[in-house]
């Protein structure tokens, strides 16, 4: 049962990350900021949702979303959403890897947005 949950999660994660990045890239190459912003909203909203869902699953003592998946989602564009999810839901705030990496991903993504905005 657990392997089935993980497989479904990975498929959904990959679909959402692909769709978000398609929007971001389509917006960047077409110079349509609202399309790029929609992609960023998808990526960050999904990262926030994963933090919220994993916290809920932890309380139920159910299967969990793998930590690698949470960090991958934060790294691939969901840094701000993951950071907001961590702080709002008080989830993964005692894990040194999350306390260091998620804010770092958020800062790097903000720097990338600023740098791309000047281009």
C-alpha atoms as a PDB file:
ATOM      1  CA  UNK A   1       0.000   0.000   0.000  1.00  0.00           C
ATOM      2  CA  UNK A   2       2.800   2.420   0.901  1.00  0.00           C
ATOM      3  CA  UNK A   3       4.592   1.847  -2.405  1.00  0.00           C
ATOM      4  CA  UNK A   4       1.353   2.590  -4.225  1.00  0.00           C
ATOM      5  CA  UNK A   5       1.002   5.917  -2.374  1.00  0.00           C
ATOM      6  CA  UNK A   6       4.592   6.864  -3.142  1.00  0.00           C
ATOM      7  CA  UNK A   7       4.208   5.973  -6.830  1.00  0.00           C
ATOM      8  CA  UNK A   8       1.039   8.049  -7.121  1.00  0.00           C
ATOM      9  CA  UNK A   9       2.704  10.937  -5.285  1.00  0.00           C
ATOM     10  CA  UNK A  10       5.754  10.842  -7.576  1.00  0.00           C
ATOM     11  CA  UNK A  11       3.582  10.811 -10.695  1.00  0.00           C
ATOM     12  CA  UNK A  12       1.519  13.754  -9.446  1.00  0.00           C
ATOM     13  CA  UNK A  13       4.626  15.639  -8.320  1.00  0.00           C
ATOM     14  CA  UNK A  14       6.268  15.213 -11.695  1.00  0.00           C
ATOM     15  CA  UNK A  15       3.120  16.344 -13.522  1.00  0.00           C
ATOM     16  CA  UNK A  16       2.709  19.474 -11.392  1.00  0.00           C
ATOM     17  CA  UNK A  17       6.394  20.413 -11.610  1.00  0.00           C
ATOM     18  CA  UNK A  18       6.374  19.886 -15.388  1.00  0.00           C
ATOM     19  CA  UNK A  19       3.228  21.970 -15.837  1.00  0.00           C
ATOM     20  CA  UNK A  20       4.572  24.753 -13.620  1.00  0.00           C
ATOM     21  CA  UNK A  21       7.858  24.897 -15.500  1.00  0.00           C
ATOM     22  CA  UNK A  22       6.074  24.832 -18.864  1.00  0.00           C
ATOM     23  CA  UNK A  23       4.173  27.957 -17.788  1.00  0.00           C
ATOM     24  CA  UNK A  24       7.341  29.616 -16.483  1.00  0.00           C
ATOM     25  CA  UNK A  25       9.304  28.911 -19.653  1.00  0.00           C
ATOM     26  CA  UNK A  26       6.410  29.810 -21.957  1.00  0.00           C
ATOM     27  CA  UNK A  27       6.032  33.111 -20.130  1.00  0.00           C
ATOM     28  CA  UNK A  28       9.749  33.818 -20.236  1.00  0.00           C
ATOM     29  CA  UNK A  29      10.167  33.123 -23.945  1.00  0.00           C
ATOM     30  CA  UNK A  30       6.965  34.931 -24.930  1.00  0.00           C
ATOM     31  CA  UNK A  31       7.632  37.856 -22.555  1.00  0.00           C
ATOM     32  CA  UNK A  32       4.200  37.326 -20.972  1.00  0.00           C
ATOM     33  CA  UNK A  33       4.757  38.011 -17.296  1.00  0.00           C
ATOM     34  CA  UNK A  34       1.318  36.779 -16.205  1.00  0.00           C
ATOM     35  CA  UNK A  35       2.023  33.329 -17.734  1.00  0.00           C
ATOM     36  CA  UNK A  36       5.370  33.160 -15.929  1.00  0.00           C
ATOM     37  CA  UNK A  37       3.689  34.311 -12.719  1.00  0.00           C
ATOM     38  CA  UNK A  38       1.036  31.596 -13.144  1.00  0.00           C
ATOM     39  CA  UNK A  39       3.790  28.984 -13.376  1.00  0.00           C
ATOM     40  CA  UNK A  40       5.496  30.352 -10.273  1.00  0.00           C
ATOM     41  CA  UNK A  41       2.143  30.298  -8.464  1.00  0.00           C
ATOM     42  CA  UNK A  42       1.624  26.647  -9.440  1.00  0.00           C
ATOM     43  CA  UNK A  43       5.112  25.663  -8.224  1.00  0.00           C
ATOM     44  CA  UNK A  44       4.916  27.556  -4.932  1.00  0.00           C
ATOM     45  CA  UNK A  45       1.301  26.629  -4.266  1.00  0.00           C
ATOM     46  CA  UNK A  46       2.144  22.973  -4.747  1.00  0.00           C
ATOM     47  CA  UNK A  47       5.165  23.217  -2.428  1.00  0.00           C
ATOM     48  CA  UNK A  48       2.946  24.816   0.242  1.00  0.00           C
ATOM     49  CA  UNK A  49       0.309  22.129  -0.286  1.00  0.00           C
ATOM     50  CA  UNK A  50       2.888  19.353   0.152  1.00  0.00           C
ATOM     51  CA  UNK A  51       4.046  20.814   3.472  1.00  0.00           C
ATOM     52  CA  UNK A  52       0.449  21.120   4.661  1.00  0.00           C
ATOM     53  CA  UNK A  53      -0.433  17.614   3.488  1.00  0.00           C
ATOM     54  CA  UNK A  54       2.645  16.034   5.076  1.00  0.00           C
ATOM     55  CA  UNK A  55       1.875  17.729   8.392  1.00  0.00           C
ATOM     56  CA  UNK A  56      -1.692  16.402   8.242  1.00  0.00           C
ATOM     57  CA  UNK A  57      -0.423  12.906   7.383  1.00  0.00           C
ATOM     58  CA  UNK A  58       2.069  13.043  10.261  1.00  0.00           C
ATOM     59  CA  UNK A  59      -0.712  13.844  12.720  1.00  0.00           C
ATOM     60  CA  UNK A  60      -2.705  10.853  11.441  1.00  0.00           C
ATOM     61  CA  UNK A  61       0.382   8.634  11.615  1.00  0.00           C
ATOM     62  CA  UNK A  62      -0.278   7.725   7.995  1.00  0.00           C
ATOM     63  CA  UNK A  63       2.148   7.257   5.097  1.00  0.00           C
ATOM     64  CA  UNK A  64       4.363  10.305   4.617  1.00  0.00           C
ATOM     65  CA  UNK A  65       5.570  12.379   1.712  1.00  0.00           C
ATOM     66  CA  UNK A  66       9.294  11.630   1.317  1.00  0.00           C
ATOM     67  CA  UNK A  67      11.595  14.402   2.555  1.00  0.00           C
ATOM     68  CA  UNK A  68      13.518  14.207  -0.718  1.00  0.00           C
ATOM     69  CA  UNK A  69      10.321  15.042  -2.556  1.00  0.00           C
ATOM     70  CA  UNK A  70       9.626  18.046  -0.333  1.00  0.00           C
ATOM     71  CA  UNK A  71      13.165  19.347  -0.888  1.00  0.00           C
ATOM     72  CA  UNK A  72      13.063  18.643  -4.634  1.00  0.00           C
ATOM     73  CA  UNK A  73       9.843  20.615  -4.984  1.00  0.00           C
ATOM     74  CA  UNK A  74      11.363  23.499  -3.029  1.00  0.00           C
ATOM     75  CA  UNK A  75      14.501  23.381  -5.181  1.00  0.00           C
ATOM     76  CA  UNK A  76      12.630  23.286  -8.494  1.00  0.00           C
ATOM     77  CA  UNK A  77      10.798  26.558  -8.028  1.00  0.00           C
ATOM     78  CA  UNK A  78       8.742  26.149  -4.884  1.00  0.00           C
ATOM     79  CA  UNK A  79      11.141  27.715  -2.393  1.00  0.00           C
ATOM     80  CA  UNK A  80       8.814  30.457  -1.179  1.00  0.00           C
ATOM     81  CA  UNK A  81       5.830  28.117  -0.967  1.00  0.00           C
ATOM     82  CA  UNK A  82       7.798  25.505   0.941  1.00  0.00           C
ATOM     83  CA  UNK A  83       9.151  28.141   3.335  1.00  0.00           C
ATOM     84  CA  UNK A  84       5.664  29.525   3.914  1.00  0.00           C
ATOM     85  CA  UNK A  85       4.335  26.002   4.468  1.00  0.00           C
ATOM     86  CA  UNK A  86       7.111  25.261   6.935  1.00  0.00           C
ATOM     87  CA  UNK A  87       6.431  28.397   8.944  1.00  0.00           C
ATOM     88  CA  UNK A  88       2.623  28.465   8.783  1.00  0.00           C
ATOM     89  CA  UNK A  89       2.162  24.782   9.580  1.00  0.00           C
ATOM     90  CA  UNK A  90       5.251  24.525  11.818  1.00  0.00           C
ATOM     91  CA  UNK A  91       6.397  21.531   9.834  1.00  0.00           C
ATOM     92  CA  UNK A  92       9.995  20.321   9.409  1.00  0.00           C
ATOM     93  CA  UNK A  93      11.232  23.275  11.457  1.00  0.00           C
ATOM     94  CA  UNK A  94      13.443  21.039  13.621  1.00  0.00           C
ATOM     95  CA  UNK A  95      15.239  19.477  10.664  1.00  0.00           C
ATOM     96  CA  UNK A  96      18.575  21.180   9.998  1.00  0.00           C
ATOM     97  CA  UNK A  97      18.460  20.288   6.309  1.00  0.00           C
ATOM     98  CA  UNK A  98      15.094  22.020   5.884  1.00  0.00           C
ATOM     99  CA  UNK A  99      16.073  25.009   8.033  1.00  0.00           C
ATOM    100  CA  UNK A 100      19.119  25.596   5.846  1.00  0.00           C
ATOM    101  CA  UNK A 101      18.111  24.434   2.371  1.00  0.00           C
ATOM    102  CA  UNK A 102      14.560  25.748   2.008  1.00  0.00           C
ATOM    103  CA  UNK A 103      15.454  29.397   2.840  1.00  0.00           C
ATOM    104  CA  UNK A 104      18.525  29.050   0.608  1.00  0.00           C
ATOM    105  CA  UNK A 105      16.363  27.815  -2.288  1.00  0.00           C
ATOM    106  CA  UNK A 106      13.954  30.686  -1.680  1.00  0.00           C
ATOM    107  CA  UNK A 107      16.740  33.283  -1.734  1.00  0.00           C
ATOM    108  CA  UNK A 108      18.325  31.806  -4.859  1.00  0.00           C
ATOM    109  CA  UNK A 109      14.978  31.791  -6.655  1.00  0.00           C
ATOM    110  CA  UNK A 110      14.295  35.404  -5.680  1.00  0.00           C
ATOM    111  CA  UNK A 111      17.762  36.379  -6.928  1.00  0.00           C
ATOM    112  CA  UNK A 112      17.064  34.553 -10.202  1.00  0.00           C
ATOM    113  CA  UNK A 113      13.775  36.413 -10.652  1.00  0.00           C
ATOM    114  CA  UNK A 114      15.495  39.753 -10.019  1.00  0.00           C
ATOM    115  CA  UNK A 115      18.313  38.875 -12.396  1.00  0.00           C
ATOM    116  CA  UNK A 116      15.900  37.749 -15.149  1.00  0.00           C
ATOM    117  CA  UNK A 117      13.841  40.897 -14.625  1.00  0.00           C
ATOM    118  CA  UNK A 118      16.853  43.052 -15.467  1.00  0.00           C
ATOM    119  CA  UNK A 119      17.540  41.205 -18.711  1.00  0.00           C
END
